Amino acid sequence: MAKTDILKFTGVVLECLPNARFSIQLDGSDQVVNAYIAGKMRTNRIMVSVGDKVLVEFSPHDLSQGRIRYRER
């Protein structure tokens, strides 16, 4: 899968779930999806908490699960 196939959305973290997963509401819709922290964020110990605005990437094959790539300040 090429990097150009990745879909990017912004959203707000609603709740922290077990196993380093988060429930995120996407901006501009009422859709809530589950996402996990990307590897570089985990390695650099970037903490994500409830209320943070994040950039989420999705595979075009599975839009129900995303990967948190960036936490906005």
Protein backbone atom coordinates (compact mmCIF):
# COMPACT_ATOMS: atom_id res chain seq x y z
CA MET A 1 0.00 0.00 0.00
CA ALA A 2 1.40 3.35 -1.03
CA LYS A 3 1.50 6.28 1.36
CA THR A 4 -0.80 8.20 -0.98
CA ASP A 5 -3.62 5.73 -0.23
CA ILE A 6 -3.76 6.73 3.45
CA LEU A 7 -6.75 8.84 4.53
CA LYS A 8 -6.10 11.55 7.14
CA PHE A 9 -8.66 13.13 9.47
CA THR A 10 -8.56 15.23 12.62
CA GLY A 11 -10.56 14.49 15.71
CA VAL A 12 -10.87 14.84 19.47
CA VAL A 13 -10.09 12.10 21.99
CA LEU A 14 -13.25 11.13 23.89
CA GLU A 15 -11.95 8.38 26.17
CA CYS A 16 -8.94 6.18 26.88
CA LEU A 17 -9.53 2.48 26.32
CA PRO A 18 -7.46 -0.49 27.55
CA ASN A 19 -4.36 -1.60 25.65
CA ALA A 20 -3.28 1.94 24.60
CA ARG A 21 -6.36 2.52 22.44
CA PHE A 22 -8.49 5.63 22.26
CA SER A 23 -12.02 6.48 21.23
CA ILE A 24 -11.96 9.48 18.86
CA GLN A 25 -14.75 11.63 17.44
CA LEU A 26 -13.88 12.87 13.96
CA ASP A 27 -14.26 16.58 13.19
CA GLY A 28 -17.19 17.48 10.98
CA SER A 29 -19.18 14.33 11.77
CA ASP A 30 -20.64 12.45 14.68
CA GLN A 31 -18.71 9.28 13.85
CA VAL A 32 -16.67 7.75 16.69
CA VAL A 33 -13.74 5.45 15.82
CA ASN A 34 -11.09 3.53 17.72
CA ALA A 35 -7.42 4.33 17.20
CA TYR A 36 -4.03 3.36 18.58
CA ILE A 37 -0.83 5.37 19.04
CA ALA A 38 1.74 5.20 16.25
CA GLY A 39 5.11 3.63 16.98
CA LYS A 40 7.15 6.85 16.85
CA MET A 41 4.78 8.52 19.31
CA ARG A 42 5.09 5.55 21.65
CA THR A 43 8.90 5.52 21.36
CA ASN A 44 9.17 9.24 22.11
CA ARG A 45 6.66 8.90 24.98
CA ILE A 46 4.19 11.44 23.64
CA MET A 47 1.17 11.24 25.93
CA VAL A 48 -2.38 11.53 24.60
CA SER A 49 -5.19 12.37 27.00
CA VAL A 50 -8.92 13.05 26.84
CA GLY A 51 -9.74 16.30 25.02
CA ASP A 52 -6.57 16.37 22.88
CA LYS A 53 -6.93 17.17 19.19
CA VAL A 54 -5.17 14.51 17.10
CA LEU A 55 -4.41 13.62 13.48
CA VAL A 56 -5.65 10.12 12.65
CA GLU A 57 -4.67 8.04 9.61
CA PHE A 58 -6.87 5.32 8.16
CA SER A 59 -6.30 2.54 5.68
CA PRO A 60 -8.80 2.68 2.80
CA HIS A 61 -9.59 -0.98 3.54
CA ASP A 62 -10.63 -0.51 7.20
CA LEU A 63 -12.12 2.84 8.20
CA SER A 64 -13.20 1.66 11.65
CA GLN A 65 -9.68 1.55 13.11
CA GLY A 66 -7.12 4.33 12.84
CA ARG A 67 -3.60 5.24 13.89
CA ILE A 68 -2.87 8.43 15.83
CA ARG A 69 0.03 10.12 14.05
CA TYR A 70 0.16 13.57 15.65
CA ARG A 71 -1.12 15.33 18.76
CA GLU A 72 -1.81 19.02 18.24
CA ARG A 73 -0.88 21.45 21.00
